Amino acid sequence: MGSLAERRAIFSGPLQPFELAVTAAHLAAASAATVHALLRKREVRAAIGWIGVVWLSPVFGALLYFGFGINRVHRKAQRLRGLKSPRLYGARGRGAERSIERLKTAVGAITGVDLEEGTVEAVLQSGDEAYPQMLAAIDGAKTSVSLSTFIFRADKPGLRFIEALARARRRGVTVRVLIDGMGGGFFLSPAYRRLRTKGVPAARFLHSIWPWKMPLLDLRLHKKALIVDGELAFIGGLNIAAENVLAEPTRHPVRDTHFRIVGGVVQQIADSFDDDWAFTTGEETPERTRPPARQIPGAPARAVASGPDHAVEQLALVLLSAITAARKTIRIATPYFLPEEQLITALQLAALRGVEVDLVMPAENNHRMVAWASDAHIRPLIEAGCRLWRSPPPFDHSKLMTVDDEWCLIGSANWDARSLRLNFELTVELYDAALAARLSGLIDAKRGDPVTLGDVDGRMFVVKLRDATARLLSPYL
């Protein structure tokens, strides 16, 4: 066996030529396979799995990848044909009515919630239009005010809300405010403290400074809803912060869209808040604070509350159902676009069967890694015939979707894994042709520069690699 010194010399000595060659081959092959997987694998899980294999199994893992991980038949077939992706042109519009009726049935089965009447009284642009109406509604409240928000800053607009809520409380109105434990400030939440100081009942969703009491940092309350007297609701993507008021310039202005809603669907929105309040505080909502909503004639509407506590991924299934129902047009505006492959595939199939698919994303994003990951995610859509657009600055936080100018979805949810799987979200579907046509016009008005295959393929190699690497984090961004 030799002395201890001899054995140490064997293991600590320089690598032999053969070992150097194997190590170099492993590094080269693993690096090449990693780059290929980052740029070519559409499924995030598949990309992560293969990258793990090639690095954890020296040389052999790379051989496995190059032998079985690359779809050579598909690539060769494309070269032989010399054709673009196929496009199937069907007769648009046929069966639209039946499709919309089937959509009603499908969403009802997914959510277990009945359709109610709902009327969007106003489509409000950013805090400039929404905040005055929301503050006026709080000042006019007679019985109850419930406010749920992701971000609540104690800046100029936030202080106005705090004062209005405190005035309502002093008038004897039942006031409850629910702020997300992360979005509202994890270590410090000045708005929460000011509300409590003024005697306004407020709570922070899934928040604790003790790790064993807050084990799930990923699960966030992303809902934005204000319910007044059980008869009026404001929902959409609007947080409470100065950057949402475009008339008063800030360093990072945010454009958004909010909605004023009345009708029976308001009760469903209120029920969603009551569930969140009871979960956070343990307090059940007395019936006296939830009067029946006024019966106002309106379009069929339904509140869709989604989150990780549901047995199925409700929001993703609703989006899939709506995409499948489309016969003429699908229009989407979203600040963050990182859905899983099933939604990408559904949009591709819609375009291939002749549906006009338009997707609008911001030209400037407030989360760089999300923007990078999105750029690595969109090529298959463009290949299938979807039209992608960049909305000009400022950053647009609006979340809108319409189908065939007959159905629309509004609310707090983005097209990313966080909204579709981790966040507690609130959206409302409406079968309202006039509103859908109006929102389609708003989405069209946001369209700036188109995104082409040339734009996607023309990125520098290092940028493509950066974007593909960021895409691996898409389930957590």
Protein backbone atom coordinates (compact mmCIF):
# COMPACT_ATOMS: atom_id res chain seq x y z
CA MET A 1 0.00 0.00 0.00
CA GLY A 2 2.95 2.38 0.64
CA SER A 3 3.41 4.98 3.31
CA LEU A 4 0.86 7.67 4.14
CA ALA A 5 3.09 10.27 2.47
CA GLU A 6 3.21 8.20 -0.72
CA ARG A 7 -0.58 7.82 -0.82
CA ARG A 8 -1.03 11.58 -0.28
CA ALA A 9 1.36 12.25 -3.13
CA ILE A 10 -0.71 10.05 -5.43
CA PHE A 11 -3.98 11.84 -4.69
CA SER A 12 -2.61 15.38 -4.46
CA GLY A 13 -0.23 15.24 -7.41
CA PRO A 14 -0.84 16.82 -10.82
CA LEU A 15 -3.41 15.28 -13.12
CA GLN A 16 -2.09 12.82 -15.66
CA PRO A 17 -2.50 13.58 -19.40
CA PHE A 18 -5.39 11.12 -19.70
CA GLU A 19 -7.19 12.65 -16.71
CA LEU A 20 -6.66 16.13 -18.12
CA ALA A 21 -8.09 15.03 -21.45
CA VAL A 22 -11.17 13.48 -19.82
CA THR A 23 -11.75 16.57 -17.66
CA ALA A 24 -11.40 18.87 -20.64
CA ALA A 25 -13.75 16.70 -22.70
CA HIS A 26 -16.30 16.69 -19.89
CA LEU A 27 -16.19 20.47 -19.48
CA ALA A 28 -16.44 21.06 -23.21
CA ALA A 29 -19.24 18.54 -23.80
CA ALA A 30 -21.22 19.57 -20.72
CA SER A 31 -20.92 23.25 -21.64
CA ALA A 32 -22.05 22.59 -25.21
CA ALA A 33 -24.99 20.47 -24.04
CA THR A 34 -25.96 23.13 -21.48
CA VAL A 35 -25.97 25.88 -24.10
CA HIS A 36 -28.02 23.69 -26.45
CA ALA A 37 -30.55 22.80 -23.75
CA LEU A 38 -30.92 26.44 -22.68
CA LEU A 39 -31.61 27.62 -26.22
CA ARG A 40 -33.59 24.66 -27.58
CA LYS A 41 -35.58 23.01 -24.80
CA ARG A 42 -39.05 24.54 -24.50
CA GLU A 43 -39.97 22.71 -21.30
CA VAL A 44 -38.23 24.30 -18.31
CA ARG A 45 -38.25 21.04 -16.36
CA ALA A 46 -36.67 19.18 -19.30
CA ALA A 47 -33.95 21.80 -19.62
CA ILE A 48 -33.12 21.68 -15.90
CA GLY A 49 -33.14 17.86 -15.90
CA TRP A 50 -30.80 17.49 -18.86
CA ILE A 51 -28.41 20.14 -17.53
CA GLY A 52 -28.22 18.22 -14.27
CA VAL A 53 -27.51 14.96 -16.11
CA VAL A 54 -24.71 16.34 -18.28
CA TRP A 55 -22.86 17.88 -15.33
CA LEU A 56 -23.38 15.11 -12.80
CA SER A 57 -22.42 12.32 -15.22
CA PRO A 58 -19.04 13.26 -16.71
CA VAL A 59 -18.85 12.63 -20.46
CA PHE A 60 -21.54 9.93 -20.29
CA GLY A 61 -24.25 12.49 -19.49
CA ALA A 62 -23.32 14.61 -22.49
CA LEU A 63 -23.32 11.51 -24.71
CA LEU A 64 -26.80 10.70 -23.46
CA TYR A 65 -27.98 14.20 -24.23
CA PHE A 66 -26.55 14.31 -27.73
CA GLY A 67 -27.83 10.81 -28.38
CA PHE A 68 -31.34 11.07 -26.99
CA GLY A 69 -32.02 14.68 -25.96
CA ILE A 70 -32.08 16.31 -29.40
CA ASN A 71 -35.04 16.02 -31.74
CA ARG A 72 -33.11 15.59 -34.99
CA VAL A 73 -36.05 14.21 -36.95
CA HIS A 74 -38.06 17.41 -36.50
CA ARG A 75 -35.14 19.63 -37.53
CA LYS A 76 -34.25 17.49 -40.53
CA ALA A 77 -37.87 17.43 -41.71
CA GLN A 78 -38.00 21.22 -41.58
CA ARG A 79 -34.85 21.50 -43.69
CA LEU A 80 -36.14 19.02 -46.28
CA ARG A 81 -39.48 20.80 -46.65
CA GLY A 82 -38.10 24.31 -46.56
CA LEU A 83 -41.52 25.41 -45.29
CA LYS A 84 -42.66 27.69 -42.53
CA SER A 85 -44.91 26.42 -39.78
CA PRO A 86 -48.23 25.24 -41.23
CA ARG A 87 -51.22 27.55 -41.04
CA LEU A 88 -54.73 26.11 -41.08
CA TYR A 89 -57.34 28.58 -42.22
CA GLY A 90 -60.78 27.63 -40.98
CA ALA A 91 -64.05 29.47 -41.38
CA ARG A 92 -64.01 32.13 -38.72
CA GLY A 93 -67.10 32.87 -36.68
CA ARG A 94 -68.94 29.58 -37.24
CA GLY A 95 -70.23 28.09 -34.05
CA ALA A 96 -69.25 31.15 -32.01
CA GLU A 97 -72.48 31.26 -30.09
CA ARG A 98 -72.24 27.59 -29.19
CA SER A 99 -68.62 28.08 -28.15
CA ILE A 100 -69.49 30.93 -25.79
CA GLU A 101 -72.26 28.86 -24.22
CA ARG A 102 -69.84 25.99 -23.76
CA LEU A 103 -67.39 28.40 -22.18
CA LYS A 104 -70.01 29.43 -19.62
CA THR A 105 -70.55 25.77 -18.75
CA ALA A 106 -66.85 25.00 -18.57
CA VAL A 107 -65.93 27.91 -16.28
CA GLY A 108 -68.90 27.09 -14.06
CA ALA A 109 -67.67 23.51 -13.73
CA ILE A 110 -64.08 24.63 -13.07
CA THR A 111 -64.96 27.19 -10.39
CA GLY A 112 -68.17 25.79 -8.91
CA VAL A 113 -69.53 29.37 -9.01
CA ASP A 114 -72.76 30.43 -10.72
CA LEU A 115 -73.08 33.31 -13.14
CA GLU A 116 -74.45 36.55 -11.72
CA GLU A 117 -75.32 39.86 -13.29
CA GLY A 118 -72.51 42.36 -13.52
CA THR A 119 -72.06 45.79 -15.05
CA VAL A 120 -68.78 47.63 -15.50
CA GLU A 121 -69.84 51.21 -14.88
CA ALA A 122 -66.41 52.69 -15.64
CA VAL A 123 -63.09 51.67 -17.13
CA LEU A 124 -60.55 53.74 -15.20
CA GLN A 125 -57.06 54.58 -16.39
CA SER A 126 -54.39 54.50 -13.69
CA GLY A 127 -54.69 56.22 -10.34
CA ASP A 128 -55.51 59.49 -12.07
CA GLU A 129 -59.05 58.29 -12.77
CA ALA A 130 -59.44 55.43 -10.30
CA TYR A 131 -58.25 56.95 -7.00
CA PRO A 132 -60.75 59.87 -6.93
CA GLN A 133 -63.67 57.51 -7.54
CA MET A 134 -62.42 54.99 -4.98
CA LEU A 135 -61.93 57.69 -2.34
CA ALA A 136 -65.38 59.12 -3.07
CA ALA A 137 -66.91 55.65 -2.67
CA ILE A 138 -65.20 55.22 0.72
CA ASP A 139 -66.44 58.65 1.85
CA GLY A 140 -69.95 57.70 0.75
CA ALA A 141 -69.97 54.28 2.43
CA LYS A 142 -72.93 53.63 4.75
CA THR A 143 -72.30 50.14 6.15
CA SER A 144 -69.00 48.53 5.09
CA VAL A 145 -65.70 49.04 3.32
CA SER A 146 -63.36 46.15 2.51
CA LEU A 147 -60.02 46.80 0.84
CA SER A 148 -57.53 44.20 -0.36
CA THR A 149 -54.25 45.21 -1.99
CA PHE A 150 -50.79 43.88 -2.76
CA ILE A 151 -48.92 47.20 -2.41
CA PHE A 152 -50.07 49.99 -0.07
CA ARG A 153 -47.55 52.80 0.32
CA ALA A 154 -47.77 55.60 2.87
CA ASP A 155 -47.06 58.22 0.20
CA LYS A 156 -49.34 61.03 -0.97
CA PRO A 157 -52.09 58.84 -2.52
CA GLY A 158 -51.71 56.25 0.24
CA LEU A 159 -52.21 58.85 2.98
CA ARG A 160 -55.41 59.97 1.27
CA PHE A 161 -56.73 56.42 1.43
CA ILE A 162 -55.68 56.06 5.07
CA GLU A 163 -57.51 59.26 6.01
CA ALA A 164 -60.64 58.25 4.06
CA LEU A 165 -60.69 54.84 5.72
CA ALA A 166 -60.23 56.42 9.15
CA ARG A 167 -63.12 58.84 8.47
CA ALA A 168 -65.36 55.94 7.48
CA ARG A 169 -64.41 54.09 10.66
CA ARG A 170 -65.28 57.15 12.78
CA ARG A 171 -68.71 57.32 11.08
CA GLY A 172 -69.45 53.81 12.30
CA VAL A 173 -68.78 52.03 9.01
CA THR A 174 -67.30 48.53 9.29
CA VAL A 175 -63.85 48.90 7.74
CA ARG A 176 -61.34 46.11 7.04
CA VAL A 177 -58.04 46.42 5.19
CA LEU A 178 -55.95 43.44 4.06
CA ILE A 179 -52.39 44.07 2.85
CA ASP A 180 -50.02 41.44 1.52
CA GLY A 181 -47.25 40.60 3.95
CA MET A 182 -44.50 40.98 1.32
CA GLY A 183 -45.86 43.48 -1.19
CA GLY A 184 -46.90 45.83 1.58
CA GLY A 185 -43.39 45.78 3.05
CA PHE A 186 -42.02 42.77 4.91
CA PHE A 187 -39.88 44.41 7.58
CA LEU A 188 -41.67 47.76 7.69
CA SER A 189 -45.19 48.57 6.53
CA PRO A 190 -45.84 52.26 7.27
CA ALA A 191 -49.36 52.13 5.79
CA TYR A 192 -50.31 49.22 8.03
CA ARG A 193 -48.93 50.97 11.11
CA ARG A 194 -50.74 54.22 10.32
CA LEU A 195 -54.03 52.40 9.80
CA ARG A 196 -53.69 50.60 13.12
CA THR A 197 -52.73 53.84 14.87
CA LYS A 198 -55.92 55.44 13.58
CA GLY A 199 -58.03 52.53 14.81
CA VAL A 200 -58.70 51.01 11.38
CA PRO A 201 -58.84 47.18 11.48
CA ALA A 202 -55.99 46.04 9.23
CA ALA A 203 -54.13 42.78 8.74
CA ARG A 204 -51.09 41.56 6.83
CA PHE A 205 -51.61 38.44 4.73
CA LEU A 206 -49.20 35.57 5.52
CA HIS A 207 -46.80 37.74 7.47
CA SER A 208 -44.66 37.05 10.50
CA ILE A 209 -41.12 37.97 11.50
CA TRP A 210 -40.74 34.44 12.89
CA PRO A 211 -39.72 31.95 10.17
CA TRP A 212 -41.64 29.04 11.70
CA LYS A 213 -44.85 31.10 11.46
CA MET A 214 -44.24 32.14 7.85
CA PRO A 215 -42.77 29.13 6.06
CA LEU A 216 -44.13 29.95 2.59
CA LEU A 217 -42.67 33.22 1.29
CA ASP A 218 -43.85 32.38 -2.24
CA LEU A 219 -47.58 32.51 -1.49
CA ARG A 220 -48.75 36.08 -1.89
CA LEU A 221 -52.08 37.92 -1.84
CA HIS A 222 -52.07 39.66 -5.22
CA LYS A 223 -55.73 40.71 -5.24
CA LYS A 224 -56.72 44.36 -5.64
CA ALA A 225 -60.34 44.87 -4.63
CA LEU A 226 -62.35 47.57 -2.90
CA ILE A 227 -65.92 46.61 -1.91
CA VAL A 228 -68.28 49.27 -0.58
CA ASP A 229 -71.62 48.45 1.11
CA GLY A 230 -71.70 45.09 -0.70
CA GLU A 231 -73.05 46.92 -3.77
CA LEU A 232 -70.04 48.47 -5.48
CA ALA A 233 -66.59 47.07 -6.23
CA PHE A 234 -63.38 48.28 -7.80
CA ILE A 235 -61.06 45.61 -9.20
CA GLY A 236 -58.15 45.39 -11.59
CA GLY A 237 -54.39 45.64 -11.42
CA LEU A 238 -54.05 48.93 -9.55
CA ASN A 239 -52.04 49.07 -6.33
CA ILE A 240 -52.07 52.06 -3.99
CA ALA A 241 -48.87 53.99 -4.67
CA ALA A 242 -47.70 57.31 -6.10
CA GLU A 243 -46.20 55.74 -9.22
CA ASN A 244 -49.73 54.98 -10.41
CA VAL A 245 -50.63 58.69 -10.73
CA LEU A 246 -49.22 59.71 -14.11
CA ALA A 247 -50.14 63.38 -13.68
CA GLU A 248 -47.63 63.61 -10.84
CA PRO A 249 -44.35 62.33 -12.34
CA THR A 250 -42.33 59.79 -10.39
CA ARG A 251 -39.09 57.99 -11.12
CA HIS A 252 -40.82 54.81 -12.33
CA PRO A 253 -44.39 55.65 -13.47
CA VAL A 254 -46.83 52.78 -13.91
CA ARG A 255 -49.82 52.77 -16.26
CA ASP A 256 -52.71 50.54 -15.21
CA THR A 257 -56.41 49.79 -15.75
CA HIS A 258 -59.05 49.47 -13.03
CA PHE A 259 -62.79 48.81 -13.15
CA ARG A 260 -65.88 49.98 -11.26
CA ILE A 261 -68.44 47.16 -11.06
CA VAL A 262 -72.00 46.83 -9.75
CA GLY A 263 -74.50 43.96 -9.74
CA GLY A 264 -74.78 40.55 -8.17
CA VAL A 265 -71.17 39.65 -8.99
CA VAL A 266 -70.07 42.15 -6.33
CA GLN A 267 -71.23 39.67 -3.70
CA GLN A 268 -68.88 37.06 -5.13
CA ILE A 269 -66.03 39.57 -4.92
CA ALA A 270 -67.01 40.30 -1.32
CA ASP A 271 -67.11 36.59 -0.50
CA SER A 272 -63.53 36.26 -1.78
CA PHE A 273 -62.43 39.05 0.55
CA ASP A 274 -64.27 37.49 3.49
CA ASP A 275 -62.46 34.19 2.91
CA ASP A 276 -59.08 35.93 2.86
CA TRP A 277 -59.91 37.97 5.97
CA ALA A 278 -61.05 34.89 7.89
CA PHE A 279 -57.90 33.00 6.86
CA THR A 280 -55.65 35.87 7.97
CA THR A 281 -57.37 36.95 11.18
CA GLY A 282 -59.57 34.00 12.16
CA GLU A 283 -62.57 36.36 12.19
CA GLU A 284 -65.70 35.23 10.41
CA THR A 285 -67.75 37.91 8.65
CA PRO A 286 -71.14 38.64 10.24
CA GLU A 287 -74.02 38.70 7.82
CA ARG A 288 -74.85 42.28 8.76
CA THR A 289 -71.68 43.52 7.04
CA ARG A 290 -72.58 41.78 3.79
CA PRO A 291 -75.96 43.11 2.66
CA PRO A 292 -77.42 41.66 -0.52
CA ALA A 293 -76.21 43.47 -3.61
CA ARG A 294 -78.72 45.59 -5.50
CA GLN A 295 -80.21 43.71 -8.40
CA ILE A 296 -79.05 45.78 -11.35
CA PRO A 297 -79.60 44.47 -14.89
CA GLY A 298 -76.28 43.52 -16.40
CA ALA A 299 -74.32 40.98 -18.39
CA PRO A 300 -73.56 37.46 -17.16
CA ALA A 301 -70.48 37.70 -14.95
CA ARG A 302 -68.56 35.53 -12.53
CA ALA A 303 -65.77 36.18 -10.03
CA VAL A 304 -62.90 33.69 -10.28
CA ALA A 305 -60.86 33.50 -7.08
CA SER A 306 -57.76 31.39 -7.64
CA GLY A 307 -54.77 30.34 -5.59
CA PRO A 308 -52.66 27.46 -4.31
CA ASP A 309 -55.42 26.46 -1.89
CA HIS A 310 -57.66 25.26 -4.73
CA ALA A 311 -57.71 21.62 -5.76
CA VAL A 312 -57.09 22.53 -9.43
CA GLU A 313 -55.29 25.40 -11.10
CA GLN A 314 -58.53 27.25 -11.75
CA LEU A 315 -57.16 30.29 -13.54
CA ALA A 316 -55.05 28.28 -15.97
CA LEU A 317 -58.06 26.11 -16.81
CA VAL A 318 -60.25 29.17 -17.36
CA LEU A 319 -57.67 30.65 -19.74
CA LEU A 320 -57.38 27.35 -21.61
CA SER A 321 -61.15 27.14 -21.92
CA ALA A 322 -61.38 30.68 -23.28
CA ILE A 323 -58.59 30.11 -25.80
CA THR A 324 -60.25 26.91 -26.96
CA ALA A 325 -63.59 28.71 -27.36
CA ALA A 326 -62.14 31.45 -29.58
CA ARG A 327 -63.27 31.46 -33.22
CA LYS A 328 -62.20 34.90 -34.46
CA THR A 329 -59.92 36.85 -32.13
CA ILE A 330 -57.93 36.62 -28.91
CA ARG A 331 -56.45 39.81 -27.50
CA ILE A 332 -54.21 39.84 -24.43
CA ALA A 333 -52.41 42.64 -22.60
CA THR A 334 -50.16 41.56 -19.74
CA PRO A 335 -47.11 43.03 -18.01
CA TYR A 336 -45.51 39.62 -17.43
CA PHE A 337 -45.75 36.75 -19.91
CA LEU A 338 -44.24 33.50 -18.62
CA PRO A 339 -46.98 30.85 -18.83
CA GLU A 340 -46.31 27.14 -18.87
CA GLU A 341 -46.19 25.22 -22.12
CA GLN A 342 -49.85 24.19 -22.06
CA LEU A 343 -50.96 27.81 -22.51
CA ILE A 344 -48.28 28.47 -25.13
CA THR A 345 -49.51 25.42 -27.02
CA ALA A 346 -53.15 26.51 -26.75
CA LEU A 347 -52.33 29.93 -28.22
CA GLN A 348 -50.33 28.27 -31.00
CA LEU A 349 -53.23 25.99 -31.86
CA ALA A 350 -55.66 28.93 -31.86
CA ALA A 351 -53.47 30.77 -34.36
CA LEU A 352 -53.05 27.65 -36.49
CA ARG A 353 -56.82 27.22 -36.78
CA GLY A 354 -57.19 30.78 -38.04
CA VAL A 355 -57.84 32.79 -34.89
CA GLU A 356 -56.17 36.21 -34.82
CA VAL A 357 -54.04 36.18 -31.66
CA ASP A 358 -52.61 39.51 -30.48
CA LEU A 359 -50.40 39.71 -27.38
CA VAL A 360 -49.21 43.06 -26.02
CA MET A 361 -46.32 43.27 -23.54
CA PRO A 362 -44.43 46.31 -22.22
CA ALA A 363 -41.42 47.61 -24.11
CA GLU A 364 -39.91 48.51 -20.74
CA ASN A 365 -40.43 46.13 -17.82
CA ASN A 366 -40.01 46.85 -14.12
CA HIS A 367 -38.59 43.33 -13.62
CA ARG A 368 -35.62 42.76 -15.91
CA MET A 369 -35.31 39.02 -15.36
CA VAL A 370 -38.98 38.56 -16.25
CA ALA A 371 -38.43 40.48 -19.48
CA TRP A 372 -35.35 38.39 -20.30
CA ALA A 373 -37.17 35.13 -19.63
CA SER A 374 -40.15 36.28 -21.72
CA ASP A 375 -37.91 36.94 -24.72
CA ALA A 376 -36.76 33.32 -24.55
CA HIS A 377 -40.38 32.16 -24.39
CA ILE A 378 -42.10 33.76 -27.36
CA ARG A 379 -40.55 32.35 -30.52
CA PRO A 380 -43.03 29.44 -30.92
CA LEU A 381 -45.94 31.89 -30.80
CA ILE A 382 -44.55 34.02 -33.60
CA GLU A 383 -43.80 30.91 -35.67
CA ALA A 384 -47.42 29.79 -35.28
CA GLY A 385 -48.74 33.13 -36.53
CA CYS A 386 -49.49 34.96 -33.28
CA ARG A 387 -48.83 38.69 -33.41
CA LEU A 388 -46.76 40.13 -30.57
CA TRP A 389 -46.42 43.81 -29.77
CA ARG A 390 -44.53 46.08 -27.37
CA SER A 391 -46.50 48.80 -25.60
CA PRO A 392 -44.53 52.07 -25.39
CA PRO A 393 -43.41 53.56 -22.03
CA PRO A 394 -44.35 54.09 -19.31
CA PHE A 395 -44.48 50.55 -17.98
CA ASP A 396 -47.99 49.17 -18.48
CA HIS A 397 -49.30 46.99 -15.64
CA SER A 398 -52.76 46.38 -17.19
CA LYS A 399 -54.17 42.84 -17.32
CA LEU A 400 -56.79 42.45 -20.05
CA MET A 401 -58.10 39.65 -22.24
CA THR A 402 -60.93 39.43 -24.77
CA VAL A 403 -62.22 36.62 -26.98
CA ASP A 404 -64.25 37.23 -30.14
CA ASP A 405 -65.35 40.62 -28.74
CA GLU A 406 -67.93 38.68 -26.69
CA TRP A 407 -66.04 37.60 -23.57
CA CYS A 408 -63.52 39.41 -21.42
CA LEU A 409 -61.42 38.77 -18.33
CA ILE A 410 -60.31 41.53 -15.97
CA GLY A 411 -58.61 41.52 -12.58
CA SER A 412 -55.27 41.08 -10.87
CA ALA A 413 -53.72 38.05 -12.58
CA ASN A 414 -50.69 38.06 -14.87
CA TRP A 415 -49.72 35.43 -17.44
CA ASP A 416 -46.94 33.91 -15.37
CA ALA A 417 -46.40 30.93 -13.10
CA ARG A 418 -46.63 33.12 -9.99
CA SER A 419 -50.15 34.30 -10.82
CA LEU A 420 -51.27 30.99 -12.26
CA ARG A 421 -49.96 28.81 -9.44
CA LEU A 422 -48.59 30.64 -6.37
CA ASN A 423 -50.53 33.87 -5.89
CA PHE A 424 -54.03 34.36 -4.53
CA GLU A 425 -55.69 36.19 -7.43
CA LEU A 426 -59.09 37.64 -8.24
CA THR A 427 -60.43 37.99 -11.77
CA VAL A 428 -63.92 38.54 -13.18
CA GLU A 429 -65.19 37.12 -16.45
CA LEU A 430 -67.95 39.01 -18.26
CA TYR A 431 -70.01 37.93 -21.26
CA ASP A 432 -70.54 41.50 -22.40
CA ALA A 433 -70.06 42.26 -26.10
CA ALA A 434 -69.99 46.03 -25.67
CA LEU A 435 -67.39 45.88 -22.91
CA ALA A 436 -65.32 43.26 -24.76
CA ALA A 437 -65.25 45.44 -27.88
CA ARG A 438 -64.19 48.43 -25.79
CA LEU A 439 -61.39 46.50 -24.10
CA SER A 440 -60.25 45.12 -27.46
CA GLY A 441 -59.94 48.72 -28.60
CA LEU A 442 -57.88 49.54 -25.50
CA ILE A 443 -55.57 46.60 -26.15
CA ASP A 444 -55.17 47.59 -29.80
CA ALA A 445 -54.33 51.14 -28.74
CA LYS A 446 -51.47 49.82 -26.61
CA ARG A 447 -49.78 48.20 -29.60
CA GLY A 448 -46.46 49.80 -30.39
CA ASP A 449 -43.62 48.08 -32.23
CA PRO A 450 -44.28 44.52 -33.42
CA VAL A 451 -42.04 41.68 -32.30
CA THR A 452 -40.77 39.68 -35.28
CA LEU A 453 -38.76 36.51 -35.74
CA GLY A 454 -35.95 38.76 -36.89
CA ASP A 455 -36.02 40.55 -33.55
CA VAL A 456 -35.97 37.29 -31.62
CA ASP A 457 -33.29 35.61 -33.74
CA GLY A 458 -31.24 38.78 -34.10
CA ARG A 459 -30.30 38.97 -30.43
CA MET A 460 -26.61 38.52 -29.71
CA PHE A 461 -25.63 35.02 -28.67
CA VAL A 462 -24.73 36.12 -25.15
CA VAL A 463 -28.16 37.80 -24.83
CA LYS A 464 -29.92 34.63 -26.00
CA LEU A 465 -27.97 32.65 -23.44
CA ARG A 466 -28.82 35.14 -20.69
CA ASP A 467 -32.52 35.07 -21.60
CA ALA A 468 -32.62 31.27 -21.79
CA THR A 469 -30.94 31.02 -18.39
CA ALA A 470 -33.47 33.44 -16.88
CA ARG A 471 -36.25 31.27 -18.33
CA LEU A 472 -35.16 28.42 -16.06
CA LEU A 473 -36.31 30.56 -13.14
CA SER A 474 -39.71 31.27 -14.69
CA PRO A 475 -41.63 29.11 -12.15
CA TYR A 476 -40.37 31.42 -9.40
CA LEU A 477 -40.19 34.88 -11.02
